[in-house]
Amino acid sequence: MSNATPQQGLVTLKTIRAMAQAGEPFACLTCYDATTARLLEKAGVPLLLVGDTAAEVILGFTRTIDMPLDVLLALTAAVKRGAPRTVVMGDMPFMSYQADDAEGIRNAGRFLTEGLADIVKVEADSSTAPLVEKMVRAGIPICGHVGSRPQRAAISAGYASAGRTADEARQIVADAIALEQAGCGMLLVEAVPDEVTDAIMRATTAPLIGIGAGTACHGQVLVLQDALGLSQHAPRFVDPVAQLSDHVIAAGREWIRRVQARDLGGHRYTMKPGESTRFEETDGSSGGEDAGASGVSGGSDSGSAGPGAAHAPQIRPAIQVRSTIAETRITDRHA
């Protein structure tokens, strides 16, 4: 067995390659936050993908192409901070690399520097191989994503499987070969028949991750929400490992019950000995003479004599300063 167990040490890309070469299947899950990353690292999951599926399962969009680059960078860094001993894969979102090679290389590099990723996934085919080669030459580890590519869903009018004809299957295998030759240190194939996966395994040596691509791949990945039974409509290839939706709903209902019963449980803070009495004696809400000495009621702008006269000059300038600041902020918003 390799070191990728619940008692694992530092997992690196070399660890993943060693598992693939040893024929030991490795698990991968998507992840989008530090808390979940910490738990999945504790479970021993060696590879976490911060995918553009965050657009759907985190941000509430209906398409992955709506994923903002800067948000995905922030999520990727959060996952790495939560799971520092796990391999974290960033994911190049739609239009972060398609328009210009230089921009694509810079954005891929940002996943390493700002996103703290160990490797970056790119939805690609053989035509993208020259760009991938430039990324790798710049020192960026790349995972090439072939087969069904969700960022192209607009062309096919929705998400669909791939490689179901002989011509499509041959093209996907050719894409995988070209991307490995361009320097991809890892490959991912999505939603293809077993025959396509088998052909890629025979034609390439890089660790191959599958999602809806049969059992032959070196590694397997699922969207975490699908795996945990949290999705309303999971893909047909998903067999959830848990059903947490009911537990989340039950927990929400239990919190409602506790709030309505004023039965929150947990630790309640208390004042230091003697401080509660002192507070009650000086509390302005008690309606004593101290409350009437505030100078807020009954005073005039002329500063006429009265219990609050001495305090009024100190209060009014503070209010005027705050008003000036507020006016400045309002002006700035409309500039």
Protein backbone atom coordinates (compact mmCIF):
# COMPACT_ATOMS: atom_id res chain seq x y z
CA MET A 1 0.00 0.00 0.00
CA SER A 2 1.09 3.58 -0.62
CA ASN A 3 1.11 6.38 1.95
CA ALA A 4 -2.32 7.67 0.83
CA THR A 5 -4.24 6.38 3.87
CA PRO A 6 -6.16 8.17 6.62
CA GLN A 7 -2.81 8.39 8.45
CA GLN A 8 -1.10 9.83 5.39
CA GLY A 9 1.77 12.24 5.44
CA LEU A 10 2.29 14.84 2.77
CA VAL A 11 0.68 13.80 -0.52
CA THR A 12 2.27 15.20 -3.69
CA LEU A 13 1.96 14.69 -7.42
CA LYS A 14 4.71 12.08 -7.06
CA THR A 15 2.48 10.21 -4.61
CA ILE A 16 -0.36 10.18 -7.13
CA ARG A 17 1.95 8.96 -9.90
CA ALA A 18 3.29 6.20 -7.64
CA MET A 19 -0.23 5.03 -6.86
CA ALA A 20 -1.10 4.94 -10.55
CA GLN A 21 2.06 3.01 -11.42
CA ALA A 22 1.38 0.54 -8.61
CA GLY A 23 -2.15 -0.03 -9.89
CA GLU A 24 -3.69 1.32 -6.68
CA PRO A 25 -6.90 3.28 -7.40
CA PHE A 26 -6.94 6.72 -5.79
CA ALA A 27 -9.95 8.75 -4.76
CA CYS A 28 -10.67 12.35 -5.67
CA LEU A 29 -13.56 14.62 -4.69
CA THR A 30 -14.44 18.18 -5.50
CA CYS A 31 -14.19 20.62 -2.61
CA TYR A 32 -14.84 24.33 -2.26
CA ASP A 33 -14.09 25.39 1.33
CA ALA A 34 -11.47 25.01 4.06
CA THR A 35 -13.70 23.25 6.61
CA THR A 36 -14.73 20.46 4.25
CA ALA A 37 -11.16 20.20 2.95
CA ARG A 38 -9.90 19.62 6.49
CA LEU A 39 -12.40 16.78 6.98
CA LEU A 40 -11.63 15.15 3.63
CA GLU A 41 -7.90 15.32 4.33
CA LYS A 42 -8.57 13.65 7.68
CA ALA A 43 -10.50 10.96 5.80
CA GLY A 44 -7.43 10.33 3.65
CA VAL A 45 -8.70 11.61 0.28
CA PRO A 46 -5.40 12.31 -1.52
CA LEU A 47 -6.66 14.65 -4.25
CA LEU A 48 -9.20 17.49 -4.09
CA LEU A 49 -10.50 19.26 -7.20
CA VAL A 50 -11.77 22.81 -6.81
CA GLY A 51 -13.87 22.63 -9.95
CA ASP A 52 -15.84 25.21 -11.88
CA THR A 53 -18.87 23.20 -10.74
CA ALA A 54 -18.72 25.66 -7.84
CA ALA A 55 -20.72 27.92 -10.16
CA GLU A 56 -23.65 25.54 -9.73
CA VAL A 57 -23.30 23.98 -6.27
CA ILE A 58 -21.88 27.03 -4.44
CA LEU A 59 -22.98 30.13 -6.36
CA GLY A 60 -26.34 28.83 -7.57
CA PHE A 61 -25.87 29.25 -11.31
CA THR A 62 -27.25 26.68 -13.73
CA ARG A 63 -24.08 26.54 -15.86
CA THR A 64 -20.41 26.04 -15.06
CA ILE A 65 -19.46 28.74 -17.57
CA ASP A 66 -20.70 31.41 -15.15
CA MET A 67 -17.85 30.72 -12.71
CA PRO A 68 -15.82 33.91 -12.05
CA LEU A 69 -12.06 33.40 -12.20
CA ASP A 70 -11.25 35.47 -9.11
CA VAL A 71 -13.84 33.65 -7.00
CA LEU A 72 -12.49 30.27 -8.08
CA LEU A 73 -8.96 31.38 -7.20
CA ALA A 74 -10.13 32.33 -3.71
CA LEU A 75 -11.95 29.02 -3.23
CA THR A 76 -8.91 27.06 -4.40
CA ALA A 77 -6.66 28.81 -1.89
CA ALA A 78 -9.22 28.16 0.86
CA VAL A 79 -9.21 24.44 0.12
CA LYS A 80 -5.41 24.29 0.19
CA ARG A 81 -5.31 26.12 3.51
CA GLY A 82 -7.81 23.59 4.87
CA ALA A 83 -5.93 20.59 3.46
CA PRO A 84 -2.26 21.58 3.23
CA ARG A 85 -1.04 17.98 3.02
CA THR A 86 -3.36 17.03 0.15
CA VAL A 87 -2.91 17.57 -3.59
CA VAL A 88 -5.25 20.38 -4.64
CA MET A 89 -6.21 20.81 -8.28
CA GLY A 90 -7.38 24.16 -9.61
CA ASP A 91 -9.69 24.42 -12.60
CA MET A 92 -9.44 26.97 -15.40
CA PRO A 93 -12.94 28.45 -15.85
CA PHE A 94 -14.59 29.40 -19.10
CA MET A 95 -12.80 32.14 -21.08
CA SER A 96 -9.83 32.23 -18.71
CA TYR A 97 -7.56 30.72 -21.39
CA GLN A 98 -9.49 30.44 -24.67
CA ALA A 99 -9.07 33.98 -26.00
CA ASP A 100 -5.32 34.51 -25.73
CA ASP A 101 -2.36 32.25 -24.98
CA ALA A 102 -0.50 34.81 -22.88
CA GLU A 103 -3.61 35.50 -20.80
CA GLY A 104 -4.17 31.77 -20.40
CA ILE A 105 -0.62 31.18 -19.15
CA ARG A 106 -0.89 34.06 -16.69
CA ASN A 107 -4.23 32.83 -15.37
CA ALA A 108 -2.95 29.26 -15.00
CA GLY A 109 0.02 30.65 -13.09
CA ARG A 110 -2.32 32.54 -10.78
CA PHE A 111 -3.77 29.23 -9.64
CA LEU A 112 -0.31 28.31 -8.35
CA THR A 113 0.56 31.66 -6.78
CA GLU A 114 -2.80 33.01 -5.59
CA GLY A 115 -4.80 29.78 -5.54
CA LEU A 116 -2.01 27.71 -3.93
CA ALA A 117 -2.90 24.83 -6.27
CA ASP A 118 -0.54 21.93 -6.96
CA ILE A 119 -1.85 21.31 -10.48
CA VAL A 120 -4.32 23.03 -12.82
CA LYS A 121 -7.03 21.36 -14.91
CA VAL A 122 -7.81 22.57 -18.42
CA GLU A 123 -10.68 21.36 -20.59
CA ALA A 124 -8.80 20.66 -23.80
CA ASP A 125 -8.36 18.70 -27.00
CA SER A 126 -5.50 18.24 -29.47
CA SER A 127 -5.94 21.82 -30.75
CA THR A 128 -5.19 23.09 -27.22
CA ALA A 129 -1.97 21.09 -26.96
CA PRO A 130 0.32 23.99 -28.05
CA LEU A 131 -1.08 26.19 -25.25
CA VAL A 132 -0.71 23.37 -22.75
CA GLU A 133 2.92 22.95 -23.84
CA LYS A 134 3.54 26.65 -23.14
CA MET A 135 1.93 26.37 -19.71
CA VAL A 136 4.08 23.38 -18.81
CA ARG A 137 7.18 25.14 -20.16
CA ALA A 138 6.35 28.00 -17.80
CA GLY A 139 6.43 25.55 -14.88
CA ILE A 140 2.70 24.92 -14.41
CA PRO A 141 1.60 21.28 -13.87
CA ILE A 142 -1.45 20.62 -16.06
CA CYS A 143 -4.23 18.04 -16.04
CA GLY A 144 -5.88 17.70 -19.44
CA HIS A 145 -9.67 17.19 -19.35
CA VAL A 146 -11.03 15.24 -22.35
CA GLY A 147 -14.27 13.52 -23.31
CA SER A 148 -17.38 15.42 -22.30
CA ARG A 149 -16.37 19.03 -21.63
CA PRO A 150 -19.04 21.03 -19.75
CA GLN A 151 -17.65 24.39 -20.88
CA ARG A 152 -18.81 23.51 -24.41
CA ALA A 153 -22.35 22.65 -23.30
CA ALA A 154 -23.79 25.64 -25.15
CA ILE A 155 -22.76 24.07 -28.46
CA SER A 156 -24.49 20.77 -27.69
CA ALA A 157 -27.48 22.50 -26.04
CA GLY A 158 -26.72 20.93 -22.67
CA TYR A 159 -24.44 18.48 -20.91
CA ALA A 160 -23.97 15.23 -22.81
CA SER A 161 -21.83 12.12 -22.87
CA ALA A 162 -19.07 11.74 -25.45
CA GLY A 163 -17.31 9.06 -27.45
CA ARG A 164 -20.39 7.00 -28.28
CA THR A 165 -19.47 6.68 -31.95
CA ALA A 166 -16.26 5.21 -33.31
CA ASP A 167 -15.16 8.57 -34.77
CA GLU A 168 -15.78 10.42 -31.51
CA ALA A 169 -14.01 7.72 -29.53
CA ARG A 170 -10.92 7.85 -31.76
CA GLN A 171 -10.81 11.65 -31.45
CA ILE A 172 -10.97 11.56 -27.66
CA VAL A 173 -8.13 9.06 -27.51
CA ALA A 174 -6.12 11.23 -29.92
CA ASP A 175 -6.81 14.26 -27.71
CA ALA A 176 -5.51 12.44 -24.64
CA ILE A 177 -2.37 11.36 -26.45
CA ALA A 178 -1.68 14.88 -27.75
CA LEU A 179 -2.16 16.43 -24.33
CA GLU A 180 0.17 13.97 -22.64
CA GLN A 181 2.77 14.61 -25.32
CA ALA A 182 2.34 18.35 -24.68
CA GLY A 183 3.34 17.78 -21.08
CA CYS A 184 0.17 17.01 -19.11
CA GLY A 185 1.15 15.22 -15.93
CA MET A 186 -2.38 14.01 -15.38
CA LEU A 187 -5.49 13.39 -17.47
CA LEU A 188 -9.21 13.39 -16.70
CA VAL A 189 -11.89 11.82 -18.87
CA GLU A 190 -15.59 12.51 -18.39
CA ALA A 191 -18.78 10.69 -19.41
CA VAL A 192 -17.45 8.22 -21.96
CA PRO A 193 -18.05 4.49 -22.57
CA ASP A 194 -15.68 1.98 -21.02
CA GLU A 195 -14.11 1.23 -24.40
CA VAL A 196 -12.85 4.81 -24.67
CA THR A 197 -11.38 4.74 -21.18
CA ASP A 198 -9.65 1.44 -21.88
CA ALA A 199 -8.14 2.83 -25.08
CA ILE A 200 -6.81 5.91 -23.28
CA MET A 201 -5.29 3.73 -20.56
CA ARG A 202 -3.47 1.70 -23.21
CA ALA A 203 -2.27 4.73 -25.17
CA THR A 204 -1.06 6.97 -22.30
CA THR A 205 0.97 6.65 -19.11
CA ALA A 206 -0.17 9.70 -17.10
CA PRO A 207 -2.50 9.06 -14.15
CA LEU A 208 -6.04 9.05 -15.55
CA ILE A 209 -8.97 10.26 -13.45
CA GLY A 210 -12.45 9.24 -14.49
CA ILE A 211 -15.88 10.68 -13.84
CA GLY A 212 -18.68 8.67 -15.37
CA ALA A 213 -16.03 6.79 -17.37
CA GLY A 214 -16.09 3.29 -15.96
CA THR A 215 -13.92 1.65 -13.33
CA ALA A 216 -10.64 1.17 -15.19
CA CYS A 217 -9.18 4.65 -14.52
CA HIS A 218 -6.36 5.12 -12.04
CA GLY A 219 -8.51 7.52 -10.02
CA GLN A 220 -12.17 8.42 -9.64
CA VAL A 221 -13.74 11.81 -8.91
CA LEU A 222 -17.25 12.95 -8.05
CA VAL A 223 -18.75 16.30 -7.25
CA LEU A 224 -18.91 16.27 -3.46
CA GLN A 225 -22.56 17.33 -3.28
CA ASP A 226 -23.47 14.44 -5.60
CA ALA A 227 -21.46 11.96 -3.53
CA LEU A 228 -23.08 13.09 -0.28
CA GLY A 229 -26.63 12.99 -1.60
CA LEU A 230 -27.06 16.76 -1.39
CA SER A 231 -27.86 17.40 -5.05
CA GLN A 232 -31.43 17.64 -6.30
CA HIS A 233 -30.52 16.11 -9.65
CA ALA A 234 -27.31 14.10 -9.70
CA PRO A 235 -25.89 12.69 -12.96
CA ARG A 236 -27.01 9.18 -13.84
CA PHE A 237 -23.52 7.73 -13.22
CA VAL A 238 -23.53 8.84 -9.55
CA ASP A 239 -24.22 6.34 -6.76
CA PRO A 240 -24.09 8.52 -3.60
CA VAL A 241 -22.00 7.25 -0.70
CA ALA A 242 -24.29 9.05 1.78
CA GLN A 243 -27.68 10.74 1.93
CA LEU A 244 -27.11 13.92 3.93
CA SER A 245 -30.01 16.01 2.61
CA ASP A 246 -32.43 14.61 5.18
CA HIS A 247 -29.92 15.17 7.98
CA VAL A 248 -29.41 18.82 7.00
CA ILE A 249 -33.16 19.42 6.85
CA ALA A 250 -33.65 17.70 10.22
CA ALA A 251 -30.87 19.80 11.75
CA GLY A 252 -32.47 22.98 10.45
CA ARG A 253 -35.82 22.01 11.94
CA GLU A 254 -34.22 21.15 15.28
CA TRP A 255 -32.56 24.58 15.41
CA ILE A 256 -35.93 26.22 14.72
CA ARG A 257 -37.43 24.24 17.62
CA ARG A 258 -34.65 25.27 20.00
CA VAL A 259 -34.92 28.94 19.07
CA GLN A 260 -38.69 28.98 19.54
CA ALA A 261 -38.33 27.19 22.90
CA ARG A 262 -35.50 29.53 23.97
CA ASP A 263 -33.50 26.37 24.64
CA LEU A 264 -30.19 27.10 22.94
CA GLY A 265 -27.97 24.98 25.16
CA GLY A 266 -24.23 25.49 25.16
CA HIS A 267 -22.25 27.93 27.31
CA ARG A 268 -23.72 31.22 28.52
CA TYR A 269 -21.49 34.11 29.52
CA THR A 270 -21.80 35.71 32.98
CA MET A 271 -20.49 38.95 34.38
CA LYS A 272 -17.63 38.97 36.85
CA PRO A 273 -18.59 38.86 40.56
CA GLY A 274 -20.20 42.11 41.68
CA GLU A 275 -20.23 43.63 38.18
CA SER A 276 -23.90 42.85 37.54
CA THR A 277 -24.95 44.95 40.55
CA ARG A 278 -22.68 47.81 39.53
CA PHE A 279 -24.04 47.67 35.99
CA GLU A 280 -27.66 47.79 37.17
CA GLU A 281 -26.87 50.81 39.38
CA THR A 282 -25.36 52.78 36.51
CA ASP A 283 -27.43 51.49 33.61
CA GLY A 284 -28.94 54.53 31.80
CA SER A 285 -31.99 52.49 30.80
CA SER A 286 -33.15 52.40 34.45
CA GLY A 287 -34.58 55.93 34.09
CA GLY A 288 -32.54 57.46 36.96
CA GLU A 289 -31.05 60.93 37.18
CA ASP A 290 -28.05 59.87 35.07
CA ALA A 291 -30.36 59.15 32.15
CA GLY A 292 -31.88 62.63 32.41
CA ALA A 293 -28.42 64.16 32.48
CA SER A 294 -27.67 63.11 28.95
CA GLY A 295 -28.62 66.53 27.61
CA VAL A 296 -30.36 65.03 24.60
CA SER A 297 -33.91 66.08 25.57
CA GLY A 298 -34.98 69.61 26.39
CA GLY A 299 -31.74 71.29 25.37
CA SER A 300 -31.66 74.19 22.89
CA ASP A 301 -29.15 75.07 20.21
CA SER A 302 -28.19 78.15 22.18
CA GLY A 303 -26.67 75.92 24.88
CA SER A 304 -29.00 77.20 27.65
CA ALA A 305 -28.30 76.18 31.22
CA GLY A 306 -29.58 72.81 32.34
CA PRO A 307 -28.40 69.39 33.48
CA GLY A 308 -27.25 68.42 29.97
CA ALA A 309 -25.69 71.72 28.94
CA ALA A 310 -22.16 70.68 29.78
CA HIS A 311 -22.44 67.60 27.63
CA ALA A 312 -24.12 69.07 24.55
CA PRO A 313 -21.05 70.76 23.00
CA GLN A 314 -19.19 67.41 23.14
CA ILE A 315 -21.99 65.42 21.49
CA ARG A 316 -22.89 67.76 18.64
CA PRO A 317 -19.43 67.94 16.97
CA ALA A 318 -19.20 64.13 17.00
CA ILE A 319 -22.56 63.89 15.23
CA GLN A 320 -21.46 66.51 12.71
CA VAL A 321 -18.25 64.60 11.98
CA ARG A 322 -20.12 61.36 11.40
CA SER A 323 -22.57 63.16 9.12
CA THR A 324 -19.71 64.61 7.10
CA ILE A 325 -18.12 61.19 6.70
CA ALA A 326 -21.43 59.69 5.59
CA GLU A 327 -21.94 62.45 3.03
CA THR A 328 -18.43 61.85 1.71
CA ARG A 329 -19.08 58.12 1.32
CA ILE A 330 -22.36 58.76 -0.49
CA THR A 331 -20.57 61.14 -2.84
CA ASP A 332 -17.86 58.55 -3.50
CA ARG A 333 -20.41 55.85 -4.39
CA HIS A 334 -21.93 58.05 -7.06
CA ALA A 335 -18.65 59.37 -8.44
